Amino acid sequence: MPQAKTDDSLTLKLDPMINNIEIGSTREQSYRAQPAPPTRKQLTGWTVEQVGPKMWRVFRNSTTEGKQAIIDYNSPEGAQSFADGCNGEYKNPTKMSADSLRNKAKEYLSDEEKADLALL
């Protein structure tokens, strides 16, 4: 900040504290990417647990990742409904549409999907 001397000429006087500023982060660890979600074979199901007086949490269980929190609900009925839907889809997956089967890479098709694609 320029400051006036007694002889009224302006000079630039640097603040010594400006040179002491350090730019850092409060983050203790560096960023690590999250692991990939478990595959269908690694999943063991979805469960509901009460985690607060009016809070129920749906957990996804897998053999590799353990128990992972998915979503919170404020009623046990909503949480159980979501978990039941996930478990139902897991046990009996929805069939893929004809367009989806055609677009899916051939090496990822199951035998049943290959038979469905041949029928189209």
PDB file of N, CA and C in Angstrom:
ATOM      1  N   MET A   1       0.845  -1.162   0.000  1.00  0.00           N
ATOM      2  CA  MET A   1       0.000   0.000   0.000  1.00  0.00           C
ATOM      3  C   MET A   1       0.899   1.236   0.000  1.00  0.00           C
ATOM      4  N   PRO A   2       0.673   2.144  -0.919  1.00  0.00           N
ATOM      5  CA  PRO A   2       1.520   3.338  -0.958  1.00  0.00           C
ATOM      6  C   PRO A   2       1.290   4.190   0.283  1.00  0.00           C
ATOM      7  N   GLN A   3       2.353   4.652   0.811  1.00  0.00           N
ATOM      8  CA  GLN A   3       2.246   5.525   1.983  1.00  0.00           C
ATOM      9  C   GLN A   3       3.045   6.805   1.732  1.00  0.00           C
ATOM     10  N   ALA A   4       2.556   7.889   2.250  1.00  0.00           N
ATOM     11  CA  ALA A   4       3.208   9.192   2.044  1.00  0.00           C
ATOM     12  C   ALA A   4       4.334   9.382   3.037  1.00  0.00           C
ATOM     13  N   LYS A   5       5.464   9.867   2.518  1.00  0.00           N
ATOM     14  CA  LYS A   5       6.570  10.241   3.405  1.00  0.00           C
ATOM     15  C   LYS A   5       6.336  11.669   3.883  1.00  0.00           C
ATOM     16  N   THR A   6       7.235  12.094   4.692  1.00  0.00           N
ATOM     17  CA  THR A   6       7.090  13.456   5.200  1.00  0.00           C
ATOM     18  C   THR A   6       7.300  14.508   4.113  1.00  0.00           C
ATOM     19  N   ASP A   7       8.047  14.123   3.041  1.00  0.00           N
ATOM     20  CA  ASP A   7       8.269  15.107   1.975  1.00  0.00           C
ATOM     21  C   ASP A   7       7.208  14.998   0.880  1.00  0.00           C
ATOM     22  N   ASP A   8       6.088  14.294   1.176  1.00  0.00           N
ATOM     23  CA  ASP A   8       4.918  14.162   0.301  1.00  0.00           C
ATOM     24  C   ASP A   8       5.167  13.392  -0.993  1.00  0.00           C
ATOM     25  N   SER A   9       6.277  12.667  -1.143  1.00  0.00           N
ATOM     26  CA  SER A   9       6.447  11.815  -2.321  1.00  0.00           C
ATOM     27  C   SER A   9       5.921  10.413  -1.972  1.00  0.00           C
ATOM     28  N   LEU A  10       5.325   9.766  -2.930  1.00  0.00           N
ATOM     29  CA  LEU A  10       4.743   8.443  -2.699  1.00  0.00           C
ATOM     30  C   LEU A  10       5.771   7.347  -2.913  1.00  0.00           C
ATOM     31  N   THR A  11       5.816   6.417  -2.013  1.00  0.00           N
ATOM     32  CA  THR A  11       6.684   5.255  -2.167  1.00  0.00           C
ATOM     33  C   THR A  11       5.873   4.007  -1.844  1.00  0.00           C
ATOM     34  N   LEU A  12       6.270   2.887  -2.402  1.00  0.00           N
ATOM     35  CA  LEU A  12       5.593   1.617  -2.157  1.00  0.00           C
ATOM     36  C   LEU A  12       6.343   0.872  -1.069  1.00  0.00           C
ATOM     37  N   LYS A  13       5.655   0.607  -0.007  1.00  0.00           N
ATOM     38  CA  LYS A  13       6.256  -0.091   1.110  1.00  0.00           C
ATOM     39  C   LYS A  13       5.561  -1.455   1.212  1.00  0.00           C
ATOM     40  N   LEU A  14       6.278  -2.550   0.943  1.00  0.00           N
ATOM     41  CA  LEU A  14       5.669  -3.871   0.956  1.00  0.00           C
ATOM     42  C   LEU A  14       5.423  -4.357   2.373  1.00  0.00           C
ATOM     43  N   ASP A  15       4.296  -5.033   2.514  1.00  0.00           N
ATOM     44  CA  ASP A  15       3.955  -5.605   3.814  1.00  0.00           C
ATOM     45  C   ASP A  15       4.708  -6.926   3.957  1.00  0.00           C
ATOM     46  N   PRO A  16       5.544  -7.105   4.985  1.00  0.00           N
ATOM     47  CA  PRO A  16       6.323  -8.341   5.115  1.00  0.00           C
ATOM     48  C   PRO A  16       5.449  -9.571   5.380  1.00  0.00           C
ATOM     49  N   MET A  17       4.238  -9.409   5.860  1.00  0.00           N
ATOM     50  CA  MET A  17       3.367 -10.549   6.157  1.00  0.00           C
ATOM     51  C   MET A  17       2.815 -11.200   4.886  1.00  0.00           C
ATOM     52  N   ILE A  18       2.729 -10.457   3.799  1.00  0.00           N
ATOM     53  CA  ILE A  18       2.193 -11.015   2.558  1.00  0.00           C
ATOM     54  C   ILE A  18       3.076 -12.150   2.060  1.00  0.00           C
ATOM     55  N   ASN A  19       4.375 -12.069   2.256  1.00  0.00           N
ATOM     56  CA  ASN A  19       5.285 -13.106   1.792  1.00  0.00           C
ATOM     57  C   ASN A  19       5.212 -14.373   2.640  1.00  0.00           C
ATOM     58  N   ASN A  20       4.555 -14.312   3.779  1.00  0.00           N
ATOM     59  CA  ASN A  20       4.475 -15.464   4.674  1.00  0.00           C
ATOM     60  C   ASN A  20       3.196 -16.283   4.503  1.00  0.00           C
ATOM     61  N   ILE A  21       2.368 -15.930   3.570  1.00  0.00           N
ATOM     62  CA  ILE A  21       1.106 -16.642   3.358  1.00  0.00           C
ATOM     63  C   ILE A  21       1.400 -17.987   2.701  1.00  0.00           C
ATOM     64  N   GLU A  22       0.868 -19.041   3.284  1.00  0.00           N
ATOM     65  CA  GLU A  22       1.022 -20.380   2.707  1.00  0.00           C
ATOM     66  C   GLU A  22      -0.334 -20.855   2.213  1.00  0.00           C
ATOM     67  N   ILE A  23      -0.323 -21.375   1.028  1.00  0.00           N
ATOM     68  CA  ILE A  23      -1.553 -21.931   0.484  1.00  0.00           C
ATOM     69  C   ILE A  23      -1.520 -23.429   0.753  1.00  0.00           C
ATOM     70  N   GLY A  24      -2.493 -23.884   1.472  1.00  0.00           N
ATOM     71  CA  GLY A  24      -2.532 -25.306   1.811  1.00  0.00           C
ATOM     72  C   GLY A  24      -3.958 -25.799   1.837  1.00  0.00           C
ATOM     73  N   SER A  25      -4.110 -27.012   2.240  1.00  0.00           N
ATOM     74  CA  SER A  25      -5.420 -27.634   2.275  1.00  0.00           C
ATOM     75  C   SER A  25      -5.645 -28.210   3.657  1.00  0.00           C
ATOM     76  N   THR A  26      -6.877 -28.200   4.085  1.00  0.00           N
ATOM     77  CA  THR A  26      -7.211 -28.820   5.363  1.00  0.00           C
ATOM     78  C   THR A  26      -7.428 -30.318   5.203  1.00  0.00           C
ATOM     79  N   ARG A  27      -7.466 -30.784   3.978  1.00  0.00           N
ATOM     80  CA  ARG A  27      -7.656 -32.209   3.723  1.00  0.00           C
ATOM     81  C   ARG A  27      -6.395 -32.953   4.140  1.00  0.00           C
ATOM     82  N   GLU A  28      -6.566 -33.969   4.989  1.00  0.00           N
ATOM     83  CA  GLU A  28      -5.409 -34.681   5.502  1.00  0.00           C
ATOM     84  C   GLU A  28      -4.825 -35.656   4.483  1.00  0.00           C
ATOM     85  N   GLN A  29      -5.696 -36.300   3.726  1.00  0.00           N
ATOM     86  CA  GLN A  29      -5.210 -37.278   2.755  1.00  0.00           C
ATOM     87  C   GLN A  29      -5.473 -36.759   1.352  1.00  0.00           C
ATOM     88  N   SER A  30      -4.694 -37.239   0.424  1.00  0.00           N
ATOM     89  CA  SER A  30      -4.941 -36.861  -0.957  1.00  0.00           C
ATOM     90  C   SER A  30      -6.156 -37.628  -1.476  1.00  0.00           C
ATOM     91  N   TYR A  31      -6.706 -37.162  -2.560  1.00  0.00           N
ATOM     92  CA  TYR A  31      -7.913 -37.766  -3.130  1.00  0.00           C
ATOM     93  C   TYR A  31      -7.649 -39.184  -3.612  1.00  0.00           C
ATOM     94  N   ARG A  32      -8.559 -40.075  -3.240  1.00  0.00           N
ATOM     95  CA  ARG A  32      -8.499 -41.449  -3.743  1.00  0.00           C
ATOM     96  C   ARG A  32      -9.840 -41.769  -4.389  1.00  0.00           C
ATOM     97  N   ALA A  33      -9.816 -42.352  -5.539  1.00  0.00           N
ATOM     98  CA  ALA A  33     -11.046 -42.706  -6.230  1.00  0.00           C
ATOM     99  C   ALA A  33     -11.784 -43.780  -5.441  1.00  0.00           C
ATOM    100  N   GLN A  34     -13.108 -43.718  -5.485  1.00  0.00           N
ATOM    101  CA  GLN A  34     -13.923 -44.715  -4.803  1.00  0.00           C
ATOM    102  C   GLN A  34     -13.831 -46.041  -5.547  1.00  0.00           C
ATOM    103  N   PRO A  35     -13.928 -47.157  -4.837  1.00  0.00           N
ATOM    104  CA  PRO A  35     -13.892 -48.446  -5.521  1.00  0.00           C
ATOM    105  C   PRO A  35     -15.139 -48.632  -6.385  1.00  0.00           C
ATOM    106  N   ALA A  36     -15.025 -49.468  -7.386  1.00  0.00           N
ATOM    107  CA  ALA A  36     -16.164 -49.762  -8.252  1.00  0.00           C
ATOM    108  C   ALA A  36     -17.245 -50.453  -7.433  1.00  0.00           C
ATOM    109  N   PRO A  37     -18.509 -50.231  -7.780  1.00  0.00           N
ATOM    110  CA  PRO A  37     -19.577 -50.907  -7.043  1.00  0.00           C
ATOM    111  C   PRO A  37     -19.487 -52.414  -7.233  1.00  0.00           C
ATOM    112  N   PRO A  38     -20.014 -53.176  -6.286  1.00  0.00           N
ATOM    113  CA  PRO A  38     -19.922 -54.625  -6.406  1.00  0.00           C
ATOM    114  C   PRO A  38     -20.721 -55.154  -7.594  1.00  0.00           C
ATOM    115  N   THR A  39     -20.266 -56.256  -8.155  1.00  0.00           N
ATOM    116  CA  THR A  39     -20.997 -56.881  -9.257  1.00  0.00           C
ATOM    117  C   THR A  39     -22.166 -57.678  -8.699  1.00  0.00           C
ATOM    118  N   ARG A  40     -23.022 -58.137  -9.586  1.00  0.00           N
ATOM    119  CA  ARG A  40     -24.195 -58.904  -9.167  1.00  0.00           C
ATOM    120  C   ARG A  40     -23.799 -60.143  -8.375  1.00  0.00           C
ATOM    121  N   LYS A  41     -22.700 -60.790  -8.762  1.00  0.00           N
ATOM    122  CA  LYS A  41     -22.265 -61.998  -8.058  1.00  0.00           C
ATOM    123  C   LYS A  41     -21.740 -61.690  -6.664  1.00  0.00           C
ATOM    124  N   GLN A  42     -21.235 -60.480  -6.449  1.00  0.00           N
ATOM    125  CA  GLN A  42     -20.688 -60.105  -5.151  1.00  0.00           C
ATOM    126  C   GLN A  42     -21.759 -59.609  -4.179  1.00  0.00           C
ATOM    127  N   LEU A  43     -22.923 -59.251  -4.688  1.00  0.00           N
ATOM    128  CA  LEU A  43     -23.993 -58.747  -3.829  1.00  0.00           C
ATOM    129  C   LEU A  43     -24.636 -59.879  -3.044  1.00  0.00           C
ATOM    130  N   THR A  44     -25.020 -59.572  -1.807  1.00  0.00           N
ATOM    131  CA  THR A  44     -25.730 -60.567  -0.995  1.00  0.00           C
ATOM    132  C   THR A  44     -27.114 -60.078  -0.595  1.00  0.00           C
ATOM    133  N   GLY A  45     -27.463 -58.825  -0.886  1.00  0.00           N
ATOM    134  CA  GLY A  45     -28.809 -58.330  -0.608  1.00  0.00           C
ATOM    135  C   GLY A  45     -28.809 -56.961   0.039  1.00  0.00           C
ATOM    136  N   TRP A  46     -30.014 -56.448   0.309  1.00  0.00           N
ATOM    137  CA  TRP A  46     -30.221 -55.139   0.917  1.00  0.00           C
ATOM    138  C   TRP A  46     -30.932 -55.328   2.254  1.00  0.00           C
ATOM    139  N   THR A  47     -30.528 -54.575   3.255  1.00  0.00           N
ATOM    140  CA  THR A  47     -31.135 -54.664   4.578  1.00  0.00           C
ATOM    141  C   THR A  47     -31.476 -53.265   5.081  1.00  0.00           C
ATOM    142  N   VAL A  48     -32.380 -53.201   6.070  1.00  0.00           N
ATOM    143  CA  VAL A  48     -32.805 -51.936   6.669  1.00  0.00           C
ATOM    144  C   VAL A  48     -32.428 -51.949   8.145  1.00  0.00           C
ATOM    145  N   GLU A  49     -31.875 -50.830   8.621  1.00  0.00           N
ATOM    146  CA  GLU A  49     -31.551 -50.695  10.042  1.00  0.00           C
ATOM    147  C   GLU A  49     -31.979 -49.314  10.514  1.00  0.00           C
ATOM    148  N   GLN A  50     -32.425 -49.243  11.765  1.00  0.00           N
ATOM    149  CA  GLN A  50     -32.758 -47.951  12.353  1.00  0.00           C
ATOM    150  C   GLN A  50     -31.478 -47.311  12.862  1.00  0.00           C
ATOM    151  N   VAL A  51     -31.213 -46.082  12.424  1.00  0.00           N
ATOM    152  CA  VAL A  51     -29.977 -45.390  12.796  1.00  0.00           C
ATOM    153  C   VAL A  51     -30.231 -44.149  13.637  1.00  0.00           C
ATOM    154  N   GLY A  52     -31.475 -43.828  13.892  1.00  0.00           N
ATOM    155  CA  GLY A  52     -31.824 -42.671  14.711  1.00  0.00           C
ATOM    156  C   GLY A  52     -33.250 -42.805  15.183  1.00  0.00           C
ATOM    157  N   PRO A  53     -33.715 -41.841  15.983  1.00  0.00           N
ATOM    158  CA  PRO A  53     -35.087 -41.945  16.495  1.00  0.00           C
ATOM    159  C   PRO A  53     -36.137 -41.974  15.383  1.00  0.00           C
ATOM    160  N   LYS A  54     -35.895 -41.223  14.321  1.00  0.00           N
ATOM    161  CA  LYS A  54     -36.834 -41.214  13.188  1.00  0.00           C
ATOM    162  C   LYS A  54     -36.080 -41.370  11.879  1.00  0.00           C
ATOM    163  N   MET A  55     -35.088 -42.263  11.842  1.00  0.00           N
ATOM    164  CA  MET A  55     -34.255 -42.433  10.652  1.00  0.00           C
ATOM    165  C   MET A  55     -33.948 -43.906  10.429  1.00  0.00           C
ATOM    166  N   TRP A  56     -34.270 -44.383   9.229  1.00  0.00           N
ATOM    167  CA  TRP A  56     -33.960 -45.756   8.845  1.00  0.00           C
ATOM    168  C   TRP A  56     -33.070 -45.698   7.616  1.00  0.00           C
ATOM    169  N   ARG A  57     -32.059 -46.548   7.584  1.00  0.00           N
ATOM    170  CA  ARG A  57     -31.078 -46.536   6.505  1.00  0.00           C
ATOM    171  C   ARG A  57     -31.083 -47.885   5.794  1.00  0.00           C
ATOM    172  N   VAL A  58     -31.047 -47.829   4.455  1.00  0.00           N
ATOM    173  CA  VAL A  58     -30.964 -49.040   3.634  1.00  0.00           C
ATOM    174  C   VAL A  58     -29.494 -49.291   3.340  1.00  0.00           C
ATOM    175  N   PHE A  59     -29.054 -50.526   3.588  1.00  0.00           N
ATOM    176  CA  PHE A  59     -27.668 -50.913   3.353  1.00  0.00           C
ATOM    177  C   PHE A  59     -27.605 -51.948   2.236  1.00  0.00           C
ATOM    178  N   ARG A  60     -26.570 -51.838   1.398  1.00  0.00           N
ATOM    179  CA  ARG A  60     -26.288 -52.847   0.378  1.00  0.00           C
ATOM    180  C   ARG A  60     -25.151 -53.703   0.919  1.00  0.00           C
ATOM    181  N   ASN A  61     -25.341 -55.001   0.928  1.00  0.00           N
ATOM    182  CA  ASN A  61     -24.337 -55.922   1.463  1.00  0.00           C
ATOM    183  C   ASN A  61     -23.651 -56.640   0.312  1.00  0.00           C
ATOM    184  N   SER A  62     -22.329 -56.717   0.390  1.00  0.00           N
ATOM    185  CA  SER A  62     -21.582 -57.434  -0.637  1.00  0.00           C
ATOM    186  C   SER A  62     -20.430 -58.177   0.010  1.00  0.00           C
ATOM    187  N   THR A  63     -19.927 -59.167  -0.690  1.00  0.00           N
ATOM    188  CA  THR A  63     -18.829 -59.963  -0.159  1.00  0.00           C
ATOM    189  C   THR A  63     -17.512 -59.192  -0.199  1.00  0.00           C
ATOM    190  N   THR A  64     -17.350 -58.254  -1.129  1.00  0.00           N
ATOM    191  CA  THR A  64     -16.085 -57.531  -1.269  1.00  0.00           C
ATOM    192  C   THR A  64     -16.059 -56.222  -0.489  1.00  0.00           C
ATOM    193  N   GLU A  65     -17.143 -55.454  -0.526  1.00  0.00           N
ATOM    194  CA  GLU A  65     -17.176 -54.132   0.091  1.00  0.00           C
ATOM    195  C   GLU A  65     -17.799 -54.124   1.482  1.00  0.00           C
ATOM    196  N   GLY A  66     -18.443 -55.201   1.888  1.00  0.00           N
ATOM    197  CA  GLY A  66     -19.108 -55.217   3.187  1.00  0.00           C
ATOM    198  C   GLY A  66     -20.441 -54.502   3.124  1.00  0.00           C
ATOM    199  N   LYS A  67     -20.783 -53.795   4.199  1.00  0.00           N
ATOM    200  CA  LYS A  67     -22.069 -53.112   4.288  1.00  0.00           C
ATOM    201  C   LYS A  67     -21.888 -51.652   3.880  1.00  0.00           C
ATOM    202  N   GLN A  68     -22.663 -51.215   2.880  1.00  0.00           N
ATOM    203  CA  GLN A  68     -22.570 -49.840   2.388  1.00  0.00           C
ATOM    204  C   GLN A  68     -23.924 -49.155   2.533  1.00  0.00           C
ATOM    205  N   ALA A  69     -23.938 -47.949   3.094  1.00  0.00           N
ATOM    206  CA  ALA A  69     -25.175 -47.177   3.227  1.00  0.00           C
ATOM    207  C   ALA A  69     -25.595 -46.683   1.844  1.00  0.00           C
ATOM    208  N   ILE A  70     -26.875 -46.835   1.534  1.00  0.00           N
ATOM    209  CA  ILE A  70     -27.378 -46.422   0.224  1.00  0.00           C
ATOM    210  C   ILE A  70     -28.263 -45.187   0.336  1.00  0.00           C
ATOM    211  N   ILE A  71     -29.307 -45.236   1.182  1.00  0.00           N
ATOM    212  CA  ILE A  71     -30.261 -44.141   1.252  1.00  0.00           C
ATOM    213  C   ILE A  71     -30.909 -44.123   2.629  1.00  0.00           C
ATOM    214  N   ASP A  72     -31.295 -42.925   3.083  1.00  0.00           N
ATOM    215  CA  ASP A  72     -31.965 -42.759   4.371  1.00  0.00           C
ATOM    216  C   ASP A  72     -33.447 -42.483   4.158  1.00  0.00           C
ATOM    217  N   TYR A  73     -34.272 -43.004   5.057  1.00  0.00           N
ATOM    218  CA  TYR A  73     -35.714 -42.773   5.030  1.00  0.00           C
ATOM    219  C   TYR A  73     -36.163 -42.335   6.409  1.00  0.00           C
ATOM    220  N   ASN A  74     -37.279 -41.593   6.460  1.00  0.00           N
ATOM    221  CA  ASN A  74     -37.819 -41.180   7.751  1.00  0.00           C
ATOM    222  C   ASN A  74     -38.952 -42.089   8.208  1.00  0.00           C
ATOM    223  N   SER A  75     -39.227 -43.159   7.476  1.00  0.00           N
ATOM    224  CA  SER A  75     -40.235 -44.129   7.907  1.00  0.00           C
ATOM    225  C   SER A  75     -39.727 -45.538   7.616  1.00  0.00           C
ATOM    226  N   PRO A  76     -40.025 -46.494   8.499  1.00  0.00           N
ATOM    227  CA  PRO A  76     -39.558 -47.860   8.253  1.00  0.00           C
ATOM    228  C   PRO A  76     -40.235 -48.495   7.040  1.00  0.00           C
ATOM    229  N   GLU A  77     -41.469 -48.077   6.753  1.00  0.00           N
ATOM    230  CA  GLU A  77     -42.188 -48.644   5.597  1.00  0.00           C
ATOM    231  C   GLU A  77     -41.515 -48.258   4.285  1.00  0.00           C
ATOM    232  N   GLY A  78     -41.108 -46.999   4.168  1.00  0.00           N
ATOM    233  CA  GLY A  78     -40.440 -46.547   2.940  1.00  0.00           C
ATOM    234  C   GLY A  78     -39.113 -47.250   2.727  1.00  0.00           C
ATOM    235  N   ALA A  79     -38.342 -47.377   3.806  1.00  0.00           N
ATOM    236  CA  ALA A  79     -37.036 -48.031   3.704  1.00  0.00           C
ATOM    237  C   ALA A  79     -37.196 -49.502   3.346  1.00  0.00           C
ATOM    238  N   GLN A  80     -38.147 -50.167   3.997  1.00  0.00           N
ATOM    239  CA  GLN A  80     -38.354 -51.584   3.722  1.00  0.00           C
ATOM    240  C   GLN A  80     -38.868 -51.800   2.307  1.00  0.00           C
ATOM    241  N   SER A  81     -39.706 -50.894   1.838  1.00  0.00           N
ATOM    242  CA  SER A  81     -40.220 -50.987   0.462  1.00  0.00           C
ATOM    243  C   SER A  81     -39.080 -50.881  -0.550  1.00  0.00           C
ATOM    244  N   PHE A  82     -38.171 -49.923  -0.326  1.00  0.00           N
ATOM    245  CA  PHE A  82     -37.034 -49.764  -1.228  1.00  0.00           C
ATOM    246  C   PHE A  82     -36.147 -51.007  -1.205  1.00  0.00           C
ATOM    247  N   ALA A  83     -35.851 -51.513  -0.003  1.00  0.00           N
ATOM    248  CA  ALA A  83     -35.001 -52.703   0.122  1.00  0.00           C
ATOM    249  C   ALA A  83     -35.662 -53.915  -0.529  1.00  0.00           C
ATOM    250  N   ASP A  84     -36.971 -54.068  -0.343  1.00  0.00           N
ATOM    251  CA  ASP A  84     -37.684 -55.188  -0.964  1.00  0.00           C
ATOM    252  C   ASP A  84     -37.637 -55.098  -2.487  1.00  0.00           C
ATOM    253  N   GLY A  85     -37.777 -53.872  -3.015  1.00  0.00           N
ATOM    254  CA  GLY A  85     -37.694 -53.682  -4.465  1.00  0.00           C
ATOM    255  C   GLY A  85     -36.316 -54.049  -5.003  1.00  0.00           C
ATOM    256  N   CYS A  86     -35.277 -53.643  -4.292  1.00  0.00           N
ATOM    257  CA  CYS A  86     -33.907 -53.967  -4.718  1.00  0.00           C
ATOM    258  C   CYS A  86     -33.664 -55.473  -4.652  1.00  0.00           C
ATOM    259  N   ASN A  87     -34.116 -56.104  -3.573  1.00  0.00           N
ATOM    260  CA  ASN A  87     -33.939 -57.551  -3.437  1.00  0.00           C
ATOM    261  C   ASN A  87     -34.731 -58.307  -4.503  1.00  0.00           C
ATOM    262  N   GLY A  88     -35.939 -57.823  -4.819  1.00  0.00           N
ATOM    263  CA  GLY A  88     -36.744 -58.471  -5.859  1.00  0.00           C
ATOM    264  C   GLY A  88     -36.094 -58.375  -7.222  1.00  0.00           C
ATOM    265  N   GLU A  89     -35.559 -57.204  -7.549  1.00  0.00           N
ATOM    266  CA  GLU A  89     -34.873 -57.013  -8.837  1.00  0.00           C
ATOM    267  C   GLU A  89     -33.603 -57.845  -8.895  1.00  0.00           C
ATOM    268  N   TYR A  90     -32.931 -57.979  -7.765  1.00  0.00           N
ATOM    269  CA  TYR A  90     -31.697 -58.764  -7.701  1.00  0.00           C
ATOM    270  C   TYR A  90     -31.989 -60.251  -7.941  1.00  0.00           C
ATOM    271  N   LYS A  91     -33.076 -60.759  -7.342  1.00  0.00           N
ATOM    272  CA  LYS A  91     -33.401 -62.185  -7.468  1.00  0.00           C
ATOM    273  C   LYS A  91     -34.007 -62.522  -8.818  1.00  0.00           C
ATOM    274  N   ASN A  92     -34.784 -61.593  -9.382  1.00  0.00           N
ATOM    275  CA  ASN A  92     -35.452 -61.842 -10.658  1.00  0.00           C
ATOM    276  C   ASN A  92     -35.299 -60.594 -11.531  1.00  0.00           C
ATOM    277  N   PRO A  93     -34.152 -60.431 -12.208  1.00  0.00           N
ATOM    278  CA  PRO A  93     -33.895 -59.193 -12.952  1.00  0.00           C
ATOM    279  C   PRO A  93     -34.879 -58.969 -14.092  1.00  0.00           C
ATOM    280  N   THR A  94     -35.130 -57.706 -14.354  1.00  0.00           N
ATOM    281  CA  THR A  94     -36.020 -57.331 -15.451  1.00  0.00           C
ATOM    282  C   THR A  94     -35.352 -57.689 -16.772  1.00  0.00           C
ATOM    283  N   LYS A  95     -36.132 -58.222 -17.708  1.00  0.00           N
ATOM    284  CA  LYS A  95     -35.576 -58.561 -19.023  1.00  0.00           C
ATOM    285  C   LYS A  95     -35.233 -57.285 -19.770  1.00  0.00           C
ATOM    286  N   MET A  96     -34.173 -57.359 -20.531  1.00  0.00           N
ATOM    287  CA  MET A  96     -33.759 -56.201 -21.320  1.00  0.00           C
ATOM    288  C   MET A  96     -34.658 -56.069 -22.547  1.00  0.00           C
ATOM    289  N   SER A  97     -34.858 -54.834 -22.984  1.00  0.00           N
ATOM    290  CA  SER A  97     -35.652 -54.602 -24.188  1.00  0.00           C
ATOM    291  C   SER A  97     -34.855 -55.046 -25.415  1.00  0.00           C
ATOM    292  N   ALA A  98     -35.551 -55.189 -26.530  1.00  0.00           N
ATOM    293  CA  ALA A  98     -34.909 -55.621 -27.773  1.00  0.00           C
ATOM    294  C   ALA A  98     -33.817 -54.632 -28.194  1.00  0.00           C
ATOM    295  N   ASP A  99     -34.109 -53.316 -28.077  1.00  0.00           N
ATOM    296  CA  ASP A  99     -33.109 -52.304 -28.453  1.00  0.00           C
ATOM    297  C   ASP A  99     -31.878 -52.398 -27.555  1.00  0.00           C
ATOM    298  N   SER A 100     -32.100 -52.617 -26.264  1.00  0.00           N
ATOM    299  CA  SER A 100     -30.975 -52.721 -25.338  1.00  0.00           C
ATOM    300  C   SER A 100     -30.120 -53.937 -25.649  1.00  0.00           C
ATOM    301  N   LEU A 101     -30.771 -55.054 -25.990  1.00  0.00           N
ATOM    302  CA  LEU A 101     -30.020 -56.268 -26.328  1.00  0.00           C
ATOM    303  C   LEU A 101     -29.162 -56.058 -27.569  1.00  0.00           C
ATOM    304  N   ARG A 102     -29.714 -55.370 -28.566  1.00  0.00           N
ATOM    305  CA  ARG A 102     -28.959 -55.139 -29.805  1.00  0.00           C
ATOM    306  C   ARG A 102     -27.764 -54.215 -29.556  1.00  0.00           C
ATOM    307  N   ASN A 103     -27.928 -53.262 -28.655  1.00  0.00           N
ATOM    308  CA  ASN A 103     -26.874 -52.279 -28.399  1.00  0.00           C
ATOM    309  C   ASN A 103     -25.810 -52.773 -27.431  1.00  0.00           C
ATOM    310  N   LYS A 104     -26.116 -53.799 -26.661  1.00  0.00           N
ATOM    311  CA  LYS A 104     -25.165 -54.277 -25.661  1.00  0.00           C
ATOM    312  C   LYS A 104     -24.025 -55.015 -26.355  1.00  0.00           C
ATOM    313  N   ALA A 105     -22.823 -54.804 -25.871  1.00  0.00           N
ATOM    314  CA  ALA A 105     -21.658 -55.466 -26.465  1.00  0.00           C
ATOM    315  C   ALA A 105     -21.813 -56.982 -26.350  1.00  0.00           C
ATOM    316  N   LYS A 106     -21.495 -57.675 -27.424  1.00  0.00           N
ATOM    317  CA  LYS A 106     -21.745 -59.125 -27.495  1.00  0.00           C
ATOM    318  C   LYS A 106     -21.018 -59.922 -26.419  1.00  0.00           C
ATOM    319  N   GLU A 107     -19.826 -59.494 -26.022  1.00  0.00           N
ATOM    320  CA  GLU A 107     -19.074 -60.285 -25.035  1.00  0.00           C
ATOM    321  C   GLU A 107     -19.688 -60.213 -23.644  1.00  0.00           C
ATOM    322  N   TYR A 108     -20.597 -59.237 -23.401  1.00  0.00           N
ATOM    323  CA  TYR A 108     -21.207 -59.113 -22.078  1.00  0.00           C
ATOM    324  C   TYR A 108     -22.584 -59.777 -21.996  1.00  0.00           C
ATOM    325  N   LEU A 109     -23.051 -60.332 -23.090  1.00  0.00           N
ATOM    326  CA  LEU A 109     -24.365 -60.986 -23.082  1.00  0.00           C
ATOM    327  C   LEU A 109     -24.293 -62.334 -22.385  1.00  0.00           C
ATOM    328  N   SER A 110     -25.315 -62.624 -21.568  1.00  0.00           N
ATOM    329  CA  SER A 110     -25.404 -63.953 -20.959  1.00  0.00           C
ATOM    330  C   SER A 110     -25.978 -64.911 -21.998  1.00  0.00           C
ATOM    331  N   ASP A 111     -25.930 -66.211 -21.706  1.00  0.00           N
ATOM    332  CA  ASP A 111     -26.468 -67.204 -22.657  1.00  0.00           C
ATOM    333  C   ASP A 111     -27.944 -66.980 -22.905  1.00  0.00           C
ATOM    334  N   GLU A 112     -28.683 -66.655 -21.869  1.00  0.00           N
ATOM    335  CA  GLU A 112     -30.120 -66.420 -22.004  1.00  0.00           C
ATOM    336  C   GLU A 112     -30.387 -65.193 -22.884  1.00  0.00           C
ATOM    337  N   GLU A 113     -29.572 -64.135 -22.691  1.00  0.00           N
ATOM    338  CA  GLU A 113     -29.734 -62.923 -23.513  1.00  0.00           C
ATOM    339  C   GLU A 113     -29.342 -63.195 -24.958  1.00  0.00           C
ATOM    340  N   LYS A 114     -28.350 -64.054 -25.178  1.00  0.00           N
ATOM    341  CA  LYS A 114     -27.964 -64.418 -26.555  1.00  0.00           C
ATOM    342  C   LYS A 114     -29.116 -65.154 -27.249  1.00  0.00           C
ATOM    343  N   ALA A 115     -29.785 -66.034 -26.514  1.00  0.00           N
ATOM    344  CA  ALA A 115     -30.928 -66.769 -27.084  1.00  0.00           C
ATOM    345  C   ALA A 115     -32.058 -65.803 -27.392  1.00  0.00           C
ATOM    346  N   ASP A 116     -32.306 -64.828 -26.503  1.00  0.00           N
ATOM    347  CA  ASP A 116     -33.363 -63.834 -26.751  1.00  0.00           C
ATOM    348  C   ASP A 116     -33.026 -62.984 -27.977  1.00  0.00           C
ATOM    349  N   LEU A 117     -31.750 -62.641 -28.138  1.00  0.00           N
ATOM    350  CA  LEU A 117     -31.320 -61.834 -29.278  1.00  0.00           C
ATOM    351  C   LEU A 117     -31.456 -62.614 -30.577  1.00  0.00           C
ATOM    352  N   ALA A 118     -31.186 -63.915 -30.538  1.00  0.00           N
ATOM    353  CA  ALA A 118     -31.314 -64.752 -31.743  1.00  0.00           C
ATOM    354  C   ALA A 118     -32.777 -64.845 -32.178  1.00  0.00           C
ATOM    355  N   LEU A 119     -33.707 -64.808 -31.231  1.00  0.00           N
ATOM    356  CA  LEU A 119     -35.124 -64.885 -31.557  1.00  0.00           C
ATOM    357  C   LEU A 119     -35.638 -63.605 -32.213  1.00  0.00           C
ATOM    358  N   LEU A 120     -34.953 -62.500 -32.012  1.00  0.00           N
ATOM    359  CA  LEU A 120     -35.444 -61.218 -32.555  1.00  0.00           C
ATOM    360  C   LEU A 120     -35.289 -61.142 -34.029  1.00  0.00           C
TER     361      LEU A 120
END
